[in-house]
Amino acid sequence: MCIIRMDCKLYDEIVRYAREHLPEEACGLIAGEIDGNNKIIKKVYFLENIDHTEDHFTMDSKEQLAAVKDMRANGYKALGNWHSHPSSPSRPSVEDIKLAYDKNASYMILSFLTEAPIINSFHVEDGQYEKEDLRIFNEEYYF
């Protein structure tokens, strides 16, 4: 099973950005390195949800292209995407599963359903999803 590692500073940036865009869903891409079965998130991209709704997102295609160019320029791999659920749990919705076209991608979902935001990552393939091992770390705590 894949282990995904993300610095707590990147997690904080995702929460801050998503909170600024409430009640709409916020979205973006994640990039970094692949080391064996590990995905190490090095950069988070914040993209406009051109739908501007609280129950759906569509990433701006020009911003996606710019993010992919930036990934290539920095030697990063595209690892997947993230989006927020302003008022539903941190798990893929029926629509999220339907739109998950890349079996190699990680799909991260940040939920504001509880007081403390919850983020999970999922592998989605053939209409099924499985929770991935997401580990958020800082300089003092790494596992």
N, C-alpha and C. Protein backbone atom coordinates (compact mmCIF):
# COMPACT_ATOMS: atom_id res chain seq x y z
N MET A 1 0.84 -1.20 0.00
CA MET A 1 0.00 0.00 0.00
C MET A 1 0.87 1.25 0.00
N CYS A 2 0.43 2.22 -0.70
CA CYS A 2 1.12 3.50 -0.83
C CYS A 2 1.02 4.32 0.46
N ILE A 3 2.13 4.92 0.85
CA ILE A 3 2.14 5.88 1.96
C ILE A 3 2.34 7.26 1.35
N ILE A 4 1.49 8.19 1.73
CA ILE A 4 1.59 9.56 1.25
C ILE A 4 2.04 10.43 2.41
N ARG A 5 3.08 11.18 2.18
CA ARG A 5 3.63 12.04 3.24
C ARG A 5 3.46 13.51 2.82
N MET A 6 2.95 14.29 3.79
CA MET A 6 2.72 15.72 3.52
C MET A 6 3.14 16.52 4.74
N ASP A 7 3.96 17.52 4.53
CA ASP A 7 4.37 18.42 5.60
C ASP A 7 3.16 19.16 6.13
N CYS A 8 3.11 19.35 7.44
CA CYS A 8 1.96 20.02 8.07
C CYS A 8 1.77 21.44 7.54
N LYS A 9 2.83 22.08 7.06
CA LYS A 9 2.70 23.43 6.49
C LYS A 9 1.84 23.40 5.23
N LEU A 10 1.99 22.35 4.42
CA LEU A 10 1.16 22.22 3.22
C LEU A 10 -0.29 21.95 3.59
N TYR A 11 -0.48 21.11 4.60
CA TYR A 11 -1.83 20.86 5.10
C TYR A 11 -2.47 22.18 5.56
N ASP A 12 -1.72 22.98 6.32
CA ASP A 12 -2.23 24.27 6.80
C ASP A 12 -2.60 25.19 5.65
N GLU A 13 -1.80 25.18 4.57
CA GLU A 13 -2.09 26.01 3.41
C GLU A 13 -3.39 25.57 2.73
N ILE A 14 -3.60 24.26 2.63
CA ILE A 14 -4.83 23.75 2.03
C ILE A 14 -6.03 24.18 2.87
N VAL A 15 -5.94 24.01 4.18
CA VAL A 15 -7.05 24.40 5.06
C VAL A 15 -7.34 25.89 4.94
N ARG A 16 -6.30 26.69 4.95
CA ARG A 16 -6.47 28.15 4.87
C ARG A 16 -7.16 28.54 3.55
N TYR A 17 -6.67 28.01 2.44
CA TYR A 17 -7.25 28.32 1.13
C TYR A 17 -8.70 27.86 1.05
N ALA A 18 -8.96 26.63 1.47
CA ALA A 18 -10.32 26.09 1.41
C ALA A 18 -11.26 26.89 2.31
N ARG A 19 -10.78 27.29 3.47
CA ARG A 19 -11.61 28.07 4.40
C ARG A 19 -11.95 29.43 3.79
N GLU A 20 -11.01 30.04 3.09
CA GLU A 20 -11.24 31.33 2.44
C GLU A 20 -12.31 31.24 1.36
N HIS A 21 -12.52 30.05 0.81
CA HIS A 21 -13.46 29.88 -0.29
C HIS A 21 -14.80 29.28 0.13
N LEU A 22 -14.98 29.08 1.43
CA LEU A 22 -16.28 28.60 1.91
C LEU A 22 -17.35 29.62 1.56
N PRO A 23 -18.56 29.24 1.21
CA PRO A 23 -19.10 27.88 1.29
C PRO A 23 -18.85 27.05 0.04
N GLU A 24 -18.07 27.55 -0.92
CA GLU A 24 -17.79 26.79 -2.14
C GLU A 24 -16.76 25.71 -1.87
N GLU A 25 -16.76 24.68 -2.74
CA GLU A 25 -15.68 23.71 -2.73
C GLU A 25 -14.44 24.39 -3.29
N ALA A 26 -13.30 24.11 -2.68
CA ALA A 26 -12.02 24.57 -3.18
C ALA A 26 -11.30 23.36 -3.79
N CYS A 27 -10.33 23.62 -4.67
CA CYS A 27 -9.70 22.49 -5.34
C CYS A 27 -8.29 22.84 -5.78
N GLY A 28 -7.55 21.80 -6.13
CA GLY A 28 -6.19 21.99 -6.62
C GLY A 28 -5.51 20.68 -6.92
N LEU A 29 -4.23 20.77 -7.17
CA LEU A 29 -3.42 19.61 -7.52
C LEU A 29 -2.32 19.41 -6.49
N ILE A 30 -1.80 18.18 -6.42
CA ILE A 30 -0.66 17.89 -5.56
C ILE A 30 0.45 17.31 -6.42
N ALA A 31 1.68 17.67 -6.07
CA ALA A 31 2.84 17.21 -6.84
C ALA A 31 3.99 16.92 -5.89
N GLY A 32 4.91 16.12 -6.38
CA GLY A 32 6.07 15.81 -5.56
C GLY A 32 6.90 14.71 -6.15
N GLU A 33 7.33 13.81 -5.26
CA GLU A 33 8.24 12.74 -5.64
C GLU A 33 7.62 11.39 -5.32
N ILE A 34 8.03 10.38 -6.08
CA ILE A 34 7.64 9.01 -5.80
C ILE A 34 8.90 8.25 -5.44
N ASP A 35 8.87 7.62 -4.27
CA ASP A 35 10.02 6.87 -3.77
C ASP A 35 9.52 5.48 -3.40
N GLY A 36 9.66 4.54 -4.33
CA GLY A 36 9.12 3.20 -4.09
C GLY A 36 7.61 3.26 -3.99
N ASN A 37 7.07 2.86 -2.83
CA ASN A 37 5.62 2.93 -2.59
C ASN A 37 5.21 4.21 -1.90
N ASN A 38 6.14 5.13 -1.75
CA ASN A 38 5.83 6.39 -1.07
C ASN A 38 5.63 7.52 -2.06
N LYS A 39 4.64 8.35 -1.78
CA LYS A 39 4.45 9.61 -2.49
C LYS A 39 4.76 10.71 -1.49
N ILE A 40 5.69 11.58 -1.84
CA ILE A 40 6.05 12.68 -0.96
C ILE A 40 5.57 13.97 -1.61
N ILE A 41 4.59 14.61 -0.98
CA ILE A 41 4.03 15.84 -1.52
C ILE A 41 5.01 16.98 -1.26
N LYS A 42 5.41 17.64 -2.31
CA LYS A 42 6.36 18.76 -2.21
C LYS A 42 5.70 20.09 -2.50
N LYS A 43 4.60 20.05 -3.27
CA LYS A 43 3.94 21.31 -3.62
C LYS A 43 2.45 21.07 -3.81
N VAL A 44 1.69 22.04 -3.36
CA VAL A 44 0.23 22.04 -3.53
C VAL A 44 -0.12 23.22 -4.42
N TYR A 45 -0.99 22.96 -5.38
CA TYR A 45 -1.45 24.01 -6.29
C TYR A 45 -2.90 24.34 -5.96
N PHE A 46 -3.20 25.61 -5.94
CA PHE A 46 -4.54 26.10 -5.62
C PHE A 46 -5.17 26.63 -6.90
N LEU A 47 -6.21 25.96 -7.35
CA LEU A 47 -6.85 26.30 -8.61
C LEU A 47 -8.27 26.80 -8.37
N GLU A 48 -8.72 27.65 -9.25
CA GLU A 48 -10.08 28.18 -9.14
C GLU A 48 -11.10 27.09 -9.45
N ASN A 49 -12.12 27.02 -8.61
CA ASN A 49 -13.28 26.18 -8.90
C ASN A 49 -14.19 27.02 -9.79
N ILE A 50 -14.18 26.77 -11.08
CA ILE A 50 -14.93 27.62 -12.00
C ILE A 50 -16.44 27.41 -11.88
N ASP A 51 -16.87 26.38 -11.16
CA ASP A 51 -18.30 26.17 -10.92
C ASP A 51 -18.82 27.07 -9.80
N HIS A 52 -17.95 27.44 -8.87
CA HIS A 52 -18.31 28.28 -7.73
C HIS A 52 -19.55 27.74 -7.00
N THR A 53 -19.54 26.44 -6.70
CA THR A 53 -20.65 25.83 -5.97
C THR A 53 -20.13 25.11 -4.74
N GLU A 54 -21.03 24.77 -3.85
CA GLU A 54 -20.64 24.10 -2.61
C GLU A 54 -20.73 22.58 -2.71
N ASP A 55 -21.13 22.05 -3.86
CA ASP A 55 -21.25 20.60 -3.97
C ASP A 55 -20.63 20.04 -5.25
N HIS A 56 -19.78 20.81 -5.90
CA HIS A 56 -19.15 20.36 -7.14
C HIS A 56 -17.96 21.26 -7.42
N PHE A 57 -16.98 20.71 -8.12
CA PHE A 57 -15.86 21.56 -8.55
C PHE A 57 -15.41 21.17 -9.95
N THR A 58 -14.95 22.16 -10.67
CA THR A 58 -14.27 21.98 -11.94
C THR A 58 -13.06 22.90 -11.90
N MET A 59 -11.88 22.31 -12.09
CA MET A 59 -10.66 23.10 -12.06
C MET A 59 -10.51 23.89 -13.35
N ASP A 60 -10.00 25.10 -13.23
CA ASP A 60 -9.73 25.94 -14.39
C ASP A 60 -8.64 25.28 -15.23
N SER A 61 -8.93 25.02 -16.49
CA SER A 61 -8.00 24.27 -17.36
C SER A 61 -6.69 25.03 -17.61
N LYS A 62 -6.75 26.35 -17.72
CA LYS A 62 -5.52 27.12 -17.93
C LYS A 62 -4.62 27.03 -16.70
N GLU A 63 -5.23 27.06 -15.52
CA GLU A 63 -4.46 26.95 -14.28
C GLU A 63 -3.88 25.54 -14.14
N GLN A 64 -4.64 24.53 -14.59
CA GLN A 64 -4.11 23.16 -14.56
C GLN A 64 -2.87 23.05 -15.43
N LEU A 65 -2.94 23.59 -16.62
CA LEU A 65 -1.81 23.54 -17.53
C LEU A 65 -0.60 24.27 -16.94
N ALA A 66 -0.82 25.42 -16.35
CA ALA A 66 0.27 26.17 -15.73
C ALA A 66 0.89 25.36 -14.58
N ALA A 67 0.05 24.67 -13.81
CA ALA A 67 0.56 23.85 -12.70
C ALA A 67 1.41 22.70 -13.23
N VAL A 68 0.95 22.04 -14.29
CA VAL A 68 1.71 20.93 -14.87
C VAL A 68 3.06 21.43 -15.41
N LYS A 69 3.06 22.59 -16.04
CA LYS A 69 4.32 23.16 -16.52
C LYS A 69 5.26 23.45 -15.35
N ASP A 70 4.71 23.96 -14.26
CA ASP A 70 5.52 24.24 -13.07
C ASP A 70 6.07 22.94 -12.48
N MET A 71 5.24 21.89 -12.45
CA MET A 71 5.71 20.60 -11.95
C MET A 71 6.91 20.13 -12.76
N ARG A 72 6.79 20.18 -14.06
CA ARG A 72 7.88 19.73 -14.94
C ARG A 72 9.13 20.57 -14.73
N ALA A 73 8.96 21.88 -14.60
CA ALA A 73 10.11 22.77 -14.41
C ALA A 73 10.83 22.48 -13.11
N ASN A 74 10.10 21.99 -12.10
CA ASN A 74 10.69 21.71 -10.80
C ASN A 74 11.05 20.23 -10.60
N GLY A 75 10.82 19.44 -11.63
CA GLY A 75 11.15 18.02 -11.54
C GLY A 75 10.19 17.21 -10.69
N TYR A 76 8.98 17.73 -10.49
CA TYR A 76 7.97 17.02 -9.70
C TYR A 76 7.10 16.15 -10.58
N LYS A 77 6.51 15.16 -9.97
CA LYS A 77 5.51 14.30 -10.61
C LYS A 77 4.13 14.74 -10.16
N ALA A 78 3.17 14.63 -11.04
CA ALA A 78 1.78 14.86 -10.65
C ALA A 78 1.35 13.68 -9.79
N LEU A 79 0.90 13.96 -8.56
CA LEU A 79 0.52 12.89 -7.64
C LEU A 79 -0.99 12.73 -7.51
N GLY A 80 -1.73 13.77 -7.87
CA GLY A 80 -3.18 13.69 -7.76
C GLY A 80 -3.79 15.05 -7.57
N ASN A 81 -4.96 15.07 -6.94
CA ASN A 81 -5.64 16.34 -6.70
C ASN A 81 -6.27 16.35 -5.32
N TRP A 82 -6.75 17.52 -4.95
CA TRP A 82 -7.44 17.67 -3.67
C TRP A 82 -8.64 18.57 -3.89
N HIS A 83 -9.64 18.40 -3.05
CA HIS A 83 -10.76 19.34 -3.03
C HIS A 83 -11.41 19.29 -1.66
N SER A 84 -12.23 20.26 -1.39
CA SER A 84 -12.87 20.33 -0.07
C SER A 84 -14.34 19.93 -0.17
N HIS A 85 -14.83 19.46 0.95
CA HIS A 85 -16.25 19.19 1.14
C HIS A 85 -16.71 20.11 2.28
N PRO A 86 -17.34 21.23 1.94
CA PRO A 86 -17.74 22.19 2.97
C PRO A 86 -18.69 21.62 4.03
N SER A 87 -19.56 20.71 3.63
CA SER A 87 -20.56 20.22 4.61
C SER A 87 -20.85 18.73 4.47
N SER A 88 -19.86 17.98 4.00
CA SER A 88 -20.01 16.53 3.91
C SER A 88 -18.70 15.87 4.33
N PRO A 89 -18.74 14.57 4.60
CA PRO A 89 -17.55 13.87 5.13
C PRO A 89 -16.37 13.84 4.17
N SER A 90 -15.23 13.51 4.73
CA SER A 90 -13.98 13.39 3.97
C SER A 90 -13.90 12.00 3.33
N ARG A 91 -14.78 11.79 2.36
CA ARG A 91 -14.77 10.56 1.56
C ARG A 91 -15.36 10.90 0.21
N PRO A 92 -15.02 10.12 -0.81
CA PRO A 92 -15.50 10.45 -2.15
C PRO A 92 -17.03 10.34 -2.28
N SER A 93 -17.60 11.33 -2.92
CA SER A 93 -19.03 11.28 -3.24
C SER A 93 -19.21 10.41 -4.48
N VAL A 94 -20.45 10.12 -4.82
CA VAL A 94 -20.73 9.35 -6.03
C VAL A 94 -20.12 10.06 -7.23
N GLU A 95 -20.27 11.38 -7.29
CA GLU A 95 -19.72 12.14 -8.40
C GLU A 95 -18.19 12.11 -8.40
N ASP A 96 -17.57 12.21 -7.20
CA ASP A 96 -16.12 12.14 -7.11
C ASP A 96 -15.60 10.82 -7.69
N ILE A 97 -16.27 9.74 -7.37
CA ILE A 97 -15.87 8.42 -7.87
C ILE A 97 -16.04 8.36 -9.38
N LYS A 98 -17.15 8.88 -9.86
CA LYS A 98 -17.42 8.86 -11.31
C LYS A 98 -16.37 9.64 -12.09
N LEU A 99 -15.88 10.73 -11.52
CA LEU A 99 -14.93 11.60 -12.22
C LEU A 99 -13.46 11.24 -11.97
N ALA A 100 -13.21 10.22 -11.16
CA ALA A 100 -11.84 9.79 -10.86
C ALA A 100 -11.34 8.90 -12.00
N TYR A 101 -10.68 9.48 -12.95
CA TYR A 101 -10.28 8.77 -14.16
C TYR A 101 -8.87 8.20 -14.13
N ASP A 102 -8.03 8.64 -13.19
CA ASP A 102 -6.63 8.23 -13.17
C ASP A 102 -6.38 7.30 -11.99
N LYS A 103 -6.18 6.02 -12.25
CA LYS A 103 -5.99 5.05 -11.18
C LYS A 103 -4.66 5.23 -10.45
N ASN A 104 -3.75 6.03 -11.00
CA ASN A 104 -2.47 6.29 -10.35
C ASN A 104 -2.51 7.52 -9.45
N ALA A 105 -3.58 8.28 -9.53
CA ALA A 105 -3.70 9.52 -8.77
C ALA A 105 -4.20 9.26 -7.35
N SER A 106 -3.79 10.12 -6.46
CA SER A 106 -4.37 10.16 -5.12
C SER A 106 -5.41 11.27 -5.12
N TYR A 107 -6.54 10.99 -4.50
CA TYR A 107 -7.65 11.95 -4.43
C TYR A 107 -7.83 12.35 -2.98
N MET A 108 -7.39 13.56 -2.65
CA MET A 108 -7.47 14.04 -1.27
C MET A 108 -8.72 14.88 -1.09
N ILE A 109 -9.40 14.64 0.04
CA ILE A 109 -10.64 15.36 0.34
C ILE A 109 -10.55 15.94 1.75
N LEU A 110 -10.74 17.25 1.84
CA LEU A 110 -10.73 17.98 3.10
C LEU A 110 -12.17 18.29 3.48
N SER A 111 -12.58 17.85 4.67
CA SER A 111 -13.95 18.08 5.12
C SER A 111 -14.00 19.12 6.24
N PHE A 112 -14.99 20.00 6.14
CA PHE A 112 -15.26 20.98 7.18
C PHE A 112 -16.51 20.60 7.98
N LEU A 113 -16.91 19.33 7.90
CA LEU A 113 -18.10 18.86 8.60
C LEU A 113 -17.93 18.95 10.11
N THR A 114 -16.71 18.76 10.59
CA THR A 114 -16.43 18.86 12.02
C THR A 114 -15.67 20.15 12.31
N GLU A 115 -15.55 20.48 13.58
CA GLU A 115 -14.87 21.72 13.97
C GLU A 115 -13.42 21.74 13.47
N ALA A 116 -12.71 20.63 13.65
CA ALA A 116 -11.34 20.52 13.14
C ALA A 116 -11.40 19.88 11.76
N PRO A 117 -10.90 20.54 10.73
CA PRO A 117 -10.96 19.97 9.38
C PRO A 117 -10.26 18.61 9.31
N ILE A 118 -10.83 17.71 8.55
CA ILE A 118 -10.29 16.36 8.39
C ILE A 118 -9.93 16.16 6.92
N ILE A 119 -8.72 15.66 6.69
CA ILE A 119 -8.28 15.37 5.33
C ILE A 119 -7.94 13.89 5.22
N ASN A 120 -8.39 13.28 4.16
CA ASN A 120 -8.07 11.89 3.84
C ASN A 120 -7.68 11.82 2.38
N SER A 121 -6.98 10.75 2.05
CA SER A 121 -6.59 10.51 0.67
C SER A 121 -7.12 9.15 0.24
N PHE A 122 -7.50 9.05 -1.03
CA PHE A 122 -8.13 7.83 -1.53
C PHE A 122 -7.54 7.41 -2.87
N HIS A 123 -7.53 6.10 -3.05
CA HIS A 123 -7.24 5.49 -4.34
C HIS A 123 -8.60 5.11 -4.91
N VAL A 124 -8.88 5.53 -6.14
CA VAL A 124 -10.16 5.24 -6.77
C VAL A 124 -9.88 4.51 -8.08
N GLU A 125 -10.53 3.36 -8.22
CA GLU A 125 -10.35 2.57 -9.43
C GLU A 125 -11.58 1.70 -9.66
N ASP A 126 -12.04 1.67 -10.89
CA ASP A 126 -13.19 0.83 -11.29
C ASP A 126 -14.42 1.07 -10.41
N GLY A 127 -14.67 2.33 -10.08
CA GLY A 127 -15.86 2.67 -9.31
C GLY A 127 -15.78 2.36 -7.83
N GLN A 128 -14.63 1.95 -7.35
CA GLN A 128 -14.43 1.63 -5.93
C GLN A 128 -13.35 2.54 -5.36
N TYR A 129 -13.44 2.81 -4.07
CA TYR A 129 -12.39 3.62 -3.45
C TYR A 129 -11.86 2.93 -2.20
N GLU A 130 -10.59 3.24 -1.91
CA GLU A 130 -9.92 2.71 -0.74
C GLU A 130 -9.12 3.84 -0.10
N LYS A 131 -9.21 3.96 1.20
CA LYS A 131 -8.47 4.99 1.91
C LYS A 131 -6.98 4.69 1.85
N GLU A 132 -6.20 5.73 1.57
CA GLU A 132 -4.75 5.60 1.52
C GLU A 132 -4.15 6.00 2.87
N ASP A 133 -2.91 5.63 3.08
CA ASP A 133 -2.18 5.94 4.31
C ASP A 133 -1.56 7.33 4.15
N LEU A 134 -2.25 8.35 4.63
CA LEU A 134 -1.78 9.73 4.56
C LEU A 134 -1.16 10.10 5.90
N ARG A 135 0.09 10.53 5.85
CA ARG A 135 0.81 10.90 7.07
C ARG A 135 1.26 12.35 6.98
N ILE A 136 0.78 13.15 7.90
CA ILE A 136 1.13 14.56 7.95
C ILE A 136 2.21 14.71 9.02
N PHE A 137 3.31 15.35 8.65
CA PHE A 137 4.46 15.42 9.56
C PHE A 137 4.96 16.85 9.67
N ASN A 138 5.86 17.05 10.65
CA ASN A 138 6.61 18.30 10.74
C ASN A 138 8.07 17.96 10.96
N GLU A 139 8.89 18.95 11.15
CA GLU A 139 10.33 18.72 11.31
C GLU A 139 10.66 17.87 12.52
N GLU A 140 9.85 17.95 13.56
CA GLU A 140 10.12 17.22 14.79
C GLU A 140 9.48 15.84 14.84
N TYR A 141 8.47 15.64 14.00
CA TYR A 141 7.72 14.39 14.04
C TYR A 141 7.55 13.85 12.63
N TYR A 142 8.17 12.71 12.40
CA TYR A 142 8.13 12.13 11.05
C TYR A 142 8.03 10.63 11.20
N PHE A 143 7.07 10.05 10.52
CA PHE A 143 6.97 8.58 10.53
C PHE A 143 6.55 8.07 9.18
